[in-house]
Amino acid sequence: MSYQKYGIRPQLVERVKFKMKNPAVKDRIRDLLGNVTKYDLQDRPKVRRLVKSAAVVLQEQLTDTQEEQIVNFVLAQKIDPNNTFHLLKLWGMFR
């Protein structure tokens, strides 16, 4: 899995996936990320803010190292939220 190359632990990913099954949490995350552009996802300070905000919504305590690993992963993926191929690629990574 690609995210493991960045040091992101599978246990964290599984916890987040489980929490995202809660409709209230899912809606809060959707609201947080609803207006994000591909340029926002290539801006390190914005990505860091999004990661911190998502961690609060998900009630996850991230260490500085974990936060940096997630930010590096997001930046490396060059995600375009309007590109279906990019979204399918991410979906496949976290199935």
PDB file of N, CA and C in Angstrom:
ATOM      1  N   MET A   1       0.840  -1.189   0.000  1.00  0.00           N
ATOM      2  CA  MET A   1       0.000   0.000   0.000  1.00  0.00           C
ATOM      3  C   MET A   1       0.878   1.243   0.000  1.00  0.00           C
ATOM      4  N   SER A   2       0.512   2.182  -0.765  1.00  0.00           N
ATOM      5  CA  SER A   2       1.310   3.379  -0.962  1.00  0.00           C
ATOM      6  C   SER A   2       1.462   4.221   0.303  1.00  0.00           C
ATOM      7  N   TYR A   3       0.412   4.320   1.104  1.00  0.00           N
ATOM      8  CA  TYR A   3       0.512   5.171   2.287  1.00  0.00           C
ATOM      9  C   TYR A   3       1.508   4.612   3.297  1.00  0.00           C
ATOM     10  N   GLN A   4       1.743   3.309   3.287  1.00  0.00           N
ATOM     11  CA  GLN A   4       2.704   2.713   4.206  1.00  0.00           C
ATOM     12  C   GLN A   4       4.128   3.141   3.892  1.00  0.00           C
ATOM     13  N   LYS A   5       4.398   3.462   2.645  1.00  0.00           N
ATOM     14  CA  LYS A   5       5.724   3.940   2.266  1.00  0.00           C
ATOM     15  C   LYS A   5       6.047   5.279   2.931  1.00  0.00           C
ATOM     16  N   TYR A   6       5.017   5.994   3.355  1.00  0.00           N
ATOM     17  CA  TYR A   6       5.195   7.288   4.007  1.00  0.00           C
ATOM     18  C   TYR A   6       5.207   7.149   5.528  1.00  0.00           C
ATOM     19  N   GLY A   7       5.140   5.912   6.020  1.00  0.00           N
ATOM     20  CA  GLY A   7       5.192   5.670   7.449  1.00  0.00           C
ATOM     21  C   GLY A   7       3.845   5.731   8.143  1.00  0.00           C
ATOM     22  N   ILE A   8       2.773   5.829   7.373  1.00  0.00           N
ATOM     23  CA  ILE A   8       1.430   5.881   7.957  1.00  0.00           C
ATOM     24  C   ILE A   8       1.038   4.453   8.319  1.00  0.00           C
ATOM     25  N   ARG A   9       0.675   4.255   9.577  1.00  0.00           N
ATOM     26  CA  ARG A   9       0.382   2.913  10.077  1.00  0.00           C
ATOM     27  C   ARG A   9      -1.006   2.444   9.625  1.00  0.00           C
ATOM     28  N   PRO A  10      -1.099   1.180   9.223  1.00  0.00           N
ATOM     29  CA  PRO A  10      -2.396   0.615   8.814  1.00  0.00           C
ATOM     30  C   PRO A  10      -3.448   0.676   9.928  1.00  0.00           C
ATOM     31  N   GLN A  11      -3.022   0.602  11.189  1.00  0.00           N
ATOM     32  CA  GLN A  11      -3.960   0.673  12.308  1.00  0.00           C
ATOM     33  C   GLN A  11      -4.666   2.025  12.336  1.00  0.00           C
ATOM     34  N   LEU A  12      -3.927   3.087  12.070  1.00  0.00           N
ATOM     35  CA  LEU A  12      -4.511   4.425  12.018  1.00  0.00           C
ATOM     36  C   LEU A  12      -5.526   4.505  10.882  1.00  0.00           C
ATOM     37  N   VAL A  13      -5.154   3.988   9.735  1.00  0.00           N
ATOM     38  CA  VAL A  13      -6.047   4.017   8.570  1.00  0.00           C
ATOM     39  C   VAL A  13      -7.328   3.237   8.875  1.00  0.00           C
ATOM     40  N   GLU A  14      -7.208   2.082   9.504  1.00  0.00           N
ATOM     41  CA  GLU A  14      -8.392   1.279   9.834  1.00  0.00           C
ATOM     42  C   GLU A  14      -9.297   1.996  10.837  1.00  0.00           C
ATOM     43  N   ARG A  15      -8.700   2.662  11.841  1.00  0.00           N
ATOM     44  CA  ARG A  15      -9.501   3.418  12.810  1.00  0.00           C
ATOM     45  C   ARG A  15     -10.262   4.542  12.120  1.00  0.00           C
ATOM     46  N   VAL A  16      -9.587   5.251  11.225  1.00  0.00           N
ATOM     47  CA  VAL A  16     -10.220   6.360  10.511  1.00  0.00           C
ATOM     48  C   VAL A  16     -11.337   5.831   9.609  1.00  0.00           C
ATOM     49  N   LYS A  17     -11.093   4.734   8.907  1.00  0.00           N
ATOM     50  CA  LYS A  17     -12.128   4.152   8.049  1.00  0.00           C
ATOM     51  C   LYS A  17     -13.354   3.766   8.868  1.00  0.00           C
ATOM     52  N   PHE A  18     -13.130   3.191  10.055  1.00  0.00           N
ATOM     53  CA  PHE A  18     -14.246   2.798  10.917  1.00  0.00           C
ATOM     54  C   PHE A  18     -15.037   4.031  11.368  1.00  0.00           C
ATOM     55  N   LYS A  19     -14.323   5.082  11.762  1.00  0.00           N
ATOM     56  CA  LYS A  19     -14.986   6.305  12.232  1.00  0.00           C
ATOM     57  C   LYS A  19     -15.745   6.996  11.110  1.00  0.00           C
ATOM     58  N   MET A  20     -15.257   6.867   9.888  1.00  0.00           N
ATOM     59  CA  MET A  20     -15.914   7.504   8.746  1.00  0.00           C
ATOM     60  C   MET A  20     -17.241   6.824   8.394  1.00  0.00           C
ATOM     61  N   LYS A  21     -17.509   5.666   8.953  1.00  0.00           N
ATOM     62  CA  LYS A  21     -18.792   4.995   8.717  1.00  0.00           C
ATOM     63  C   LYS A  21     -19.917   5.662   9.492  1.00  0.00           C
ATOM     64  N   ASN A  22     -19.559   6.487  10.460  1.00  0.00           N
ATOM     65  CA  ASN A  22     -20.553   7.238  11.222  1.00  0.00           C
ATOM     66  C   ASN A  22     -21.027   8.411  10.348  1.00  0.00           C
ATOM     67  N   PRO A  23     -22.326   8.481  10.013  1.00  0.00           N
ATOM     68  CA  PRO A  23     -22.823   9.528   9.106  1.00  0.00           C
ATOM     69  C   PRO A  23     -22.531  10.958   9.594  1.00  0.00           C
ATOM     70  N   ALA A  24     -22.584  11.195  10.889  1.00  0.00           N
ATOM     71  CA  ALA A  24     -22.326  12.547  11.408  1.00  0.00           C
ATOM     72  C   ALA A  24     -20.869  12.943  11.175  1.00  0.00           C
ATOM     73  N   VAL A  25     -19.955  12.028  11.429  1.00  0.00           N
ATOM     74  CA  VAL A  25     -18.524  12.296  11.217  1.00  0.00           C
ATOM     75  C   VAL A  25     -18.262  12.482   9.724  1.00  0.00           C
ATOM     76  N   LYS A  26     -18.857  11.617   8.920  1.00  0.00           N
ATOM     77  CA  LYS A  26     -18.676  11.686   7.461  1.00  0.00           C
ATOM     78  C   LYS A  26     -19.137  13.047   6.925  1.00  0.00           C
ATOM     79  N   ASP A  27     -20.277  13.537   7.426  1.00  0.00           N
ATOM     80  CA  ASP A  27     -20.787  14.831   6.977  1.00  0.00           C
ATOM     81  C   ASP A  27     -19.863  15.973   7.403  1.00  0.00           C
ATOM     82  N   ARG A  28     -19.320  15.892   8.613  1.00  0.00           N
ATOM     83  CA  ARG A  28     -18.399  16.946   9.066  1.00  0.00           C
ATOM     84  C   ARG A  28     -17.124  16.969   8.228  1.00  0.00           C
ATOM     85  N   ILE A  29     -16.614  15.796   7.889  1.00  0.00           N
ATOM     86  CA  ILE A  29     -15.416  15.713   7.033  1.00  0.00           C
ATOM     87  C   ILE A  29     -15.741  16.207   5.631  1.00  0.00           C
ATOM     88  N   ARG A  30     -16.910  15.841   5.125  1.00  0.00           N
ATOM     89  CA  ARG A  30     -17.329  16.297   3.793  1.00  0.00           C
ATOM     90  C   ARG A  30     -17.427  17.823   3.760  1.00  0.00           C
ATOM     91  N   ASP A  31     -17.978  18.422   4.824  1.00  0.00           N
ATOM     92  CA  ASP A  31     -18.063  19.877   4.913  1.00  0.00           C
ATOM     93  C   ASP A  31     -16.666  20.501   4.956  1.00  0.00           C
ATOM     94  N   LEU A  32     -15.758  19.862   5.682  1.00  0.00           N
ATOM     95  CA  LEU A  32     -14.386  20.360   5.804  1.00  0.00           C
ATOM     96  C   LEU A  32     -13.670  20.354   4.454  1.00  0.00           C
ATOM     97  N   LEU A  33     -13.888  19.295   3.680  1.00  0.00           N
ATOM     98  CA  LEU A  33     -13.160  19.116   2.423  1.00  0.00           C
ATOM     99  C   LEU A  33     -13.957  19.486   1.184  1.00  0.00           C
ATOM    100  N   GLY A  34     -15.189  19.941   1.366  1.00  0.00           N
ATOM    101  CA  GLY A  34     -16.085  20.188   0.247  1.00  0.00           C
ATOM    102  C   GLY A  34     -15.593  21.183  -0.783  1.00  0.00           C
ATOM    103  N   ASN A  35     -14.924  22.222  -0.357  1.00  0.00           N
ATOM    104  CA  ASN A  35     -14.495  23.273  -1.292  1.00  0.00           C
ATOM    105  C   ASN A  35     -12.991  23.265  -1.547  1.00  0.00           C
ATOM    106  N   VAL A  36     -12.343  22.147  -1.283  1.00  0.00           N
ATOM    107  CA  VAL A  36     -10.897  22.041  -1.450  1.00  0.00           C
ATOM    108  C   VAL A  36     -10.568  21.883  -2.933  1.00  0.00           C
ATOM    109  N   THR A  37      -9.547  22.600  -3.384  1.00  0.00           N
ATOM    110  CA  THR A  37      -9.107  22.515  -4.778  1.00  0.00           C
ATOM    111  C   THR A  37      -7.776  21.775  -4.864  1.00  0.00           C
ATOM    112  N   LYS A  38      -7.375  21.455  -6.078  1.00  0.00           N
ATOM    113  CA  LYS A  38      -6.082  20.779  -6.239  1.00  0.00           C
ATOM    114  C   LYS A  38      -4.936  21.694  -5.796  1.00  0.00           C
ATOM    115  N   TYR A  39      -5.128  23.003  -5.896  1.00  0.00           N
ATOM    116  CA  TYR A  39      -4.100  23.942  -5.463  1.00  0.00           C
ATOM    117  C   TYR A  39      -3.994  23.967  -3.943  1.00  0.00           C
ATOM    118  N   ASP A  40      -5.129  23.823  -3.270  1.00  0.00           N
ATOM    119  CA  ASP A  40      -5.120  23.741  -1.805  1.00  0.00           C
ATOM    120  C   ASP A  40      -4.360  22.496  -1.351  1.00  0.00           C
ATOM    121  N   LEU A  41      -4.524  21.404  -2.096  1.00  0.00           N
ATOM    122  CA  LEU A  41      -3.898  20.141  -1.722  1.00  0.00           C
ATOM    123  C   LEU A  41      -2.426  20.069  -2.104  1.00  0.00           C
ATOM    124  N   GLN A  42      -1.891  21.142  -2.672  1.00  0.00           N
ATOM    125  CA  GLN A  42      -0.458  21.226  -2.954  1.00  0.00           C
ATOM    126  C   GLN A  42       0.205  22.326  -2.118  1.00  0.00           C
ATOM    127  N   ASP A  43      -0.560  22.919  -1.227  1.00  0.00           N
ATOM    128  CA  ASP A  43      -0.068  23.983  -0.350  1.00  0.00           C
ATOM    129  C   ASP A  43       0.141  23.395   1.050  1.00  0.00           C
ATOM    130  N   ARG A  44       1.411  23.229   1.432  1.00  0.00           N
ATOM    131  CA  ARG A  44       1.743  22.555   2.693  1.00  0.00           C
ATOM    132  C   ARG A  44       1.014  23.131   3.907  1.00  0.00           C
ATOM    133  N   PRO A  45       0.988  24.445   4.113  1.00  0.00           N
ATOM    134  CA  PRO A  45       0.279  24.970   5.294  1.00  0.00           C
ATOM    135  C   PRO A  45      -1.223  24.660   5.280  1.00  0.00           C
ATOM    136  N   LYS A  46      -1.847  24.715   4.108  1.00  0.00           N
ATOM    137  CA  LYS A  46      -3.281  24.402   4.022  1.00  0.00           C
ATOM    138  C   LYS A  46      -3.534  22.929   4.299  1.00  0.00           C
ATOM    139  N   VAL A  47      -2.687  22.070   3.758  1.00  0.00           N
ATOM    140  CA  VAL A  47      -2.846  20.636   3.990  1.00  0.00           C
ATOM    141  C   VAL A  47      -2.657  20.336   5.474  1.00  0.00           C
ATOM    142  N   ARG A  48      -1.676  20.975   6.092  1.00  0.00           N
ATOM    143  CA  ARG A  48      -1.438  20.770   7.523  1.00  0.00           C
ATOM    144  C   ARG A  48      -2.673  21.176   8.337  1.00  0.00           C
ATOM    145  N   ARG A  49      -3.275  22.311   7.975  1.00  0.00           N
ATOM    146  CA  ARG A  49      -4.495  22.766   8.671  1.00  0.00           C
ATOM    147  C   ARG A  49      -5.639  21.778   8.473  1.00  0.00           C
ATOM    148  N   LEU A  50      -5.779  21.277   7.254  1.00  0.00           N
ATOM    149  CA  LEU A  50      -6.831  20.297   6.970  1.00  0.00           C
ATOM    150  C   LEU A  50      -6.622  19.005   7.766  1.00  0.00           C
ATOM    151  N   VAL A  51      -5.376  18.557   7.864  1.00  0.00           N
ATOM    152  CA  VAL A  51      -5.072  17.336   8.616  1.00  0.00           C
ATOM    153  C   VAL A  51      -5.405  17.545  10.092  1.00  0.00           C
ATOM    154  N   LYS A  52      -5.016  18.690  10.628  1.00  0.00           N
ATOM    155  CA  LYS A  52      -5.310  18.979  12.039  1.00  0.00           C
ATOM    156  C   LYS A  52      -6.817  19.057  12.273  1.00  0.00           C
ATOM    157  N   SER A  53      -7.533  19.716  11.379  1.00  0.00           N
ATOM    158  CA  SER A  53      -8.989  19.837  11.517  1.00  0.00           C
ATOM    159  C   SER A  53      -9.666  18.476  11.413  1.00  0.00           C
ATOM    160  N   ALA A  54      -9.214  17.661  10.474  1.00  0.00           N
ATOM    161  CA  ALA A  54      -9.796  16.328  10.312  1.00  0.00           C
ATOM    162  C   ALA A  54      -9.510  15.474  11.548  1.00  0.00           C
ATOM    163  N   ALA A  55      -8.325  15.613  12.116  1.00  0.00           N
ATOM    164  CA  ALA A  55      -7.988  14.850  13.323  1.00  0.00           C
ATOM    165  C   ALA A  55      -8.908  15.228  14.477  1.00  0.00           C
ATOM    166  N   VAL A  56      -9.250  16.497  14.586  1.00  0.00           N
ATOM    167  CA  VAL A  56     -10.167  16.939  15.639  1.00  0.00           C
ATOM    168  C   VAL A  56     -11.543  16.333  15.410  1.00  0.00           C
ATOM    169  N   VAL A  57     -12.033  16.394  14.177  1.00  0.00           N
ATOM    170  CA  VAL A  57     -13.346  15.837  13.851  1.00  0.00           C
ATOM    171  C   VAL A  57     -13.377  14.340  14.153  1.00  0.00           C
ATOM    172  N   LEU A  58     -12.290  13.644  13.814  1.00  0.00           N
ATOM    173  CA  LEU A  58     -12.219  12.200  13.995  1.00  0.00           C
ATOM    174  C   LEU A  58     -11.805  11.801  15.412  1.00  0.00           C
ATOM    175  N   GLN A  59     -11.494  12.785  16.233  1.00  0.00           N
ATOM    176  CA  GLN A  59     -11.029  12.564  17.599  1.00  0.00           C
ATOM    177  C   GLN A  59      -9.805  11.653  17.625  1.00  0.00           C
ATOM    178  N   GLU A  60      -8.862  11.965  16.754  1.00  0.00           N
ATOM    179  CA  GLU A  60      -7.589  11.248  16.683  1.00  0.00           C
ATOM    180  C   GLU A  60      -6.482  12.158  17.186  1.00  0.00           C
ATOM    181  N   GLN A  61      -5.670  11.633  18.077  1.00  0.00           N
ATOM    182  CA  GLN A  61      -4.509  12.370  18.562  1.00  0.00           C
ATOM    183  C   GLN A  61      -3.323  12.009  17.672  1.00  0.00           C
ATOM    184  N   LEU A  62      -2.885  12.947  16.844  1.00  0.00           N
ATOM    185  CA  LEU A  62      -1.758  12.688  15.955  1.00  0.00           C
ATOM    186  C   LEU A  62      -0.498  13.299  16.543  1.00  0.00           C
ATOM    187  N   THR A  63       0.593  12.553  16.464  1.00  0.00           N
ATOM    188  CA  THR A  63       1.876  13.111  16.855  1.00  0.00           C
ATOM    189  C   THR A  63       2.351  14.029  15.729  1.00  0.00           C
ATOM    190  N   ASP A  64       3.358  14.832  16.009  1.00  0.00           N
ATOM    191  CA  ASP A  64       3.908  15.701  14.969  1.00  0.00           C
ATOM    192  C   ASP A  64       4.445  14.867  13.804  1.00  0.00           C
ATOM    193  N   THR A  65       5.033  13.738  14.120  1.00  0.00           N
ATOM    194  CA  THR A  65       5.576  12.853  13.080  1.00  0.00           C
ATOM    195  C   THR A  65       4.462  12.304  12.201  1.00  0.00           C
ATOM    196  N   GLN A  66       3.386  11.822  12.823  1.00  0.00           N
ATOM    197  CA  GLN A  66       2.259  11.287  12.050  1.00  0.00           C
ATOM    198  C   GLN A  66       1.654  12.374  11.169  1.00  0.00           C
ATOM    199  N   GLU A  67       1.512  13.547  11.731  1.00  0.00           N
ATOM    200  CA  GLU A  67       0.952  14.666  10.972  1.00  0.00           C
ATOM    201  C   GLU A  67       1.817  14.967   9.755  1.00  0.00           C
ATOM    202  N   GLU A  68       3.126  15.014   9.955  1.00  0.00           N
ATOM    203  CA  GLU A  68       4.052  15.293   8.853  1.00  0.00           C
ATOM    204  C   GLU A  68       3.997  14.196   7.797  1.00  0.00           C
ATOM    205  N   GLN A  69       3.874  12.937   8.223  1.00  0.00           N
ATOM    206  CA  GLN A  69       3.786  11.824   7.282  1.00  0.00           C
ATOM    207  C   GLN A  69       2.531  11.941   6.423  1.00  0.00           C
ATOM    208  N   ILE A  70       1.417  12.307   7.040  1.00  0.00           N
ATOM    209  CA  ILE A  70       0.162  12.448   6.299  1.00  0.00           C
ATOM    210  C   ILE A  70       0.253  13.617   5.324  1.00  0.00           C
ATOM    211  N   VAL A  71       0.819  14.726   5.773  1.00  0.00           N
ATOM    212  CA  VAL A  71       0.974  15.893   4.894  1.00  0.00           C
ATOM    213  C   VAL A  71       1.851  15.524   3.701  1.00  0.00           C
ATOM    214  N   ASN A  72       2.971  14.854   3.949  1.00  0.00           N
ATOM    215  CA  ASN A  72       3.859  14.449   2.854  1.00  0.00           C
ATOM    216  C   ASN A  72       3.144  13.514   1.883  1.00  0.00           C
ATOM    217  N   PHE A  73       2.327  12.605   2.408  1.00  0.00           N
ATOM    218  CA  PHE A  73       1.573  11.686   1.557  1.00  0.00           C
ATOM    219  C   PHE A  73       0.608  12.447   0.655  1.00  0.00           C
ATOM    220  N   VAL A  74      -0.149  13.364   1.236  1.00  0.00           N
ATOM    221  CA  VAL A  74      -1.134  14.128   0.459  1.00  0.00           C
ATOM    222  C   VAL A  74      -0.443  14.946  -0.628  1.00  0.00           C
ATOM    223  N   LEU A  75       0.652  15.609  -0.268  1.00  0.00           N
ATOM    224  CA  LEU A  75       1.375  16.423  -1.257  1.00  0.00           C
ATOM    225  C   LEU A  75       1.927  15.559  -2.385  1.00  0.00           C
ATOM    226  N   ALA A  76       2.439  14.379  -2.056  1.00  0.00           N
ATOM    227  CA  ALA A  76       3.046  13.504  -3.072  1.00  0.00           C
ATOM    228  C   ALA A  76       2.015  12.935  -4.037  1.00  0.00           C
ATOM    229  N   GLN A  77       0.770  12.803  -3.603  1.00  0.00           N
ATOM    230  CA  GLN A  77      -0.263  12.215  -4.460  1.00  0.00           C
ATOM    231  C   GLN A  77      -0.734  13.162  -5.554  1.00  0.00           C
ATOM    232  N   LYS A  78      -0.497  14.459  -5.382  1.00  0.00           N
ATOM    233  CA  LYS A  78      -0.926  15.469  -6.368  1.00  0.00           C
ATOM    234  C   LYS A  78      -2.402  15.275  -6.731  1.00  0.00           C
ATOM    235  N   ILE A  79      -3.226  15.248  -5.695  1.00  0.00           N
ATOM    236  CA  ILE A  79      -4.650  14.951  -5.835  1.00  0.00           C
ATOM    237  C   ILE A  79      -5.399  16.121  -6.459  1.00  0.00           C
ATOM    238  N   ASP A  80      -6.213  15.826  -7.452  1.00  0.00           N
ATOM    239  CA  ASP A  80      -7.153  16.784  -8.019  1.00  0.00           C
ATOM    240  C   ASP A  80      -8.546  16.268  -7.669  1.00  0.00           C
ATOM    241  N   PRO A  81      -9.256  16.931  -6.738  1.00  0.00           N
ATOM    242  CA  PRO A  81     -10.554  16.430  -6.316  1.00  0.00           C
ATOM    243  C   PRO A  81     -11.611  16.430  -7.417  1.00  0.00           C
ATOM    244  N   ASN A  82     -11.345  17.101  -8.518  1.00  0.00           N
ATOM    245  CA  ASN A  82     -12.297  17.116  -9.632  1.00  0.00           C
ATOM    246  C   ASN A  82     -11.963  16.082 -10.701  1.00  0.00           C
ATOM    247  N   ASN A  83     -10.888  15.330 -10.493  1.00  0.00           N
ATOM    248  CA  ASN A  83     -10.458  14.311 -11.445  1.00  0.00           C
ATOM    249  C   ASN A  83     -10.899  12.940 -10.924  1.00  0.00           C
ATOM    250  N   THR A  84     -11.816  12.323 -11.612  1.00  0.00           N
ATOM    251  CA  THR A  84     -12.369  11.039 -11.186  1.00  0.00           C
ATOM    252  C   THR A  84     -11.284   9.975 -11.072  1.00  0.00           C
ATOM    253  N   PHE A  85     -10.313   9.985 -11.977  1.00  0.00           N
ATOM    254  CA  PHE A  85      -9.230   9.001 -11.925  1.00  0.00           C
ATOM    255  C   PHE A  85      -8.456   9.112 -10.620  1.00  0.00           C
ATOM    256  N   HIS A  86      -8.164  10.338 -10.190  1.00  0.00           N
ATOM    257  CA  HIS A  86      -7.434  10.541  -8.938  1.00  0.00           C
ATOM    258  C   HIS A  86      -8.239  10.000  -7.753  1.00  0.00           C
ATOM    259  N   LEU A  87      -9.540  10.252  -7.771  1.00  0.00           N
ATOM    260  CA  LEU A  87     -10.390   9.797  -6.671  1.00  0.00           C
ATOM    261  C   LEU A  87     -10.493   8.272  -6.648  1.00  0.00           C
ATOM    262  N   LEU A  88     -10.574   7.656  -7.821  1.00  0.00           N
ATOM    263  CA  LEU A  88     -10.617   6.195  -7.890  1.00  0.00           C
ATOM    264  C   LEU A  88      -9.306   5.581  -7.403  1.00  0.00           C
ATOM    265  N   LYS A  89      -8.198   6.219  -7.747  1.00  0.00           N
ATOM    266  CA  LYS A  89      -6.889   5.742  -7.298  1.00  0.00           C
ATOM    267  C   LYS A  89      -6.812   5.769  -5.771  1.00  0.00           C
ATOM    268  N   LEU A  90      -7.277   6.855  -5.175  1.00  0.00           N
ATOM    269  CA  LEU A  90      -7.277   6.957  -3.717  1.00  0.00           C
ATOM    270  C   LEU A  90      -8.228   5.934  -3.105  1.00  0.00           C
ATOM    271  N   TRP A  91      -9.382   5.778  -3.701  1.00  0.00           N
ATOM    272  CA  TRP A  91     -10.365   4.815  -3.216  1.00  0.00           C
ATOM    273  C   TRP A  91      -9.738   3.419  -3.180  1.00  0.00           C
ATOM    274  N   GLY A  92      -9.030   3.063  -4.245  1.00  0.00           N
ATOM    275  CA  GLY A  92      -8.378   1.765  -4.317  1.00  0.00           C
ATOM    276  C   GLY A  92      -7.303   1.587  -3.257  1.00  0.00           C
ATOM    277  N   MET A  93      -6.617   2.646  -2.907  1.00  0.00           N
ATOM    278  CA  MET A  93      -5.569   2.583  -1.892  1.00  0.00           C
ATOM    279  C   MET A  93      -6.124   2.284  -0.510  1.00  0.00           C
ATOM    280  N   PHE A  94      -7.324   2.787  -0.238  1.00  0.00           N
ATOM    281  CA  PHE A  94      -7.868   2.705   1.113  1.00  0.00           C
ATOM    282  C   PHE A  94      -9.063   1.758   1.234  1.00  0.00           C
ATOM    283  N   ARG A  95      -9.284   0.906   0.254  1.00  0.00           N
ATOM    284  CA  ARG A  95     -10.405  -0.037   0.307  1.00  0.00           C
ATOM    285  C   ARG A  95     -10.317  -0.969   1.440  1.00  0.00           C
TER     286      ARG A  95
END
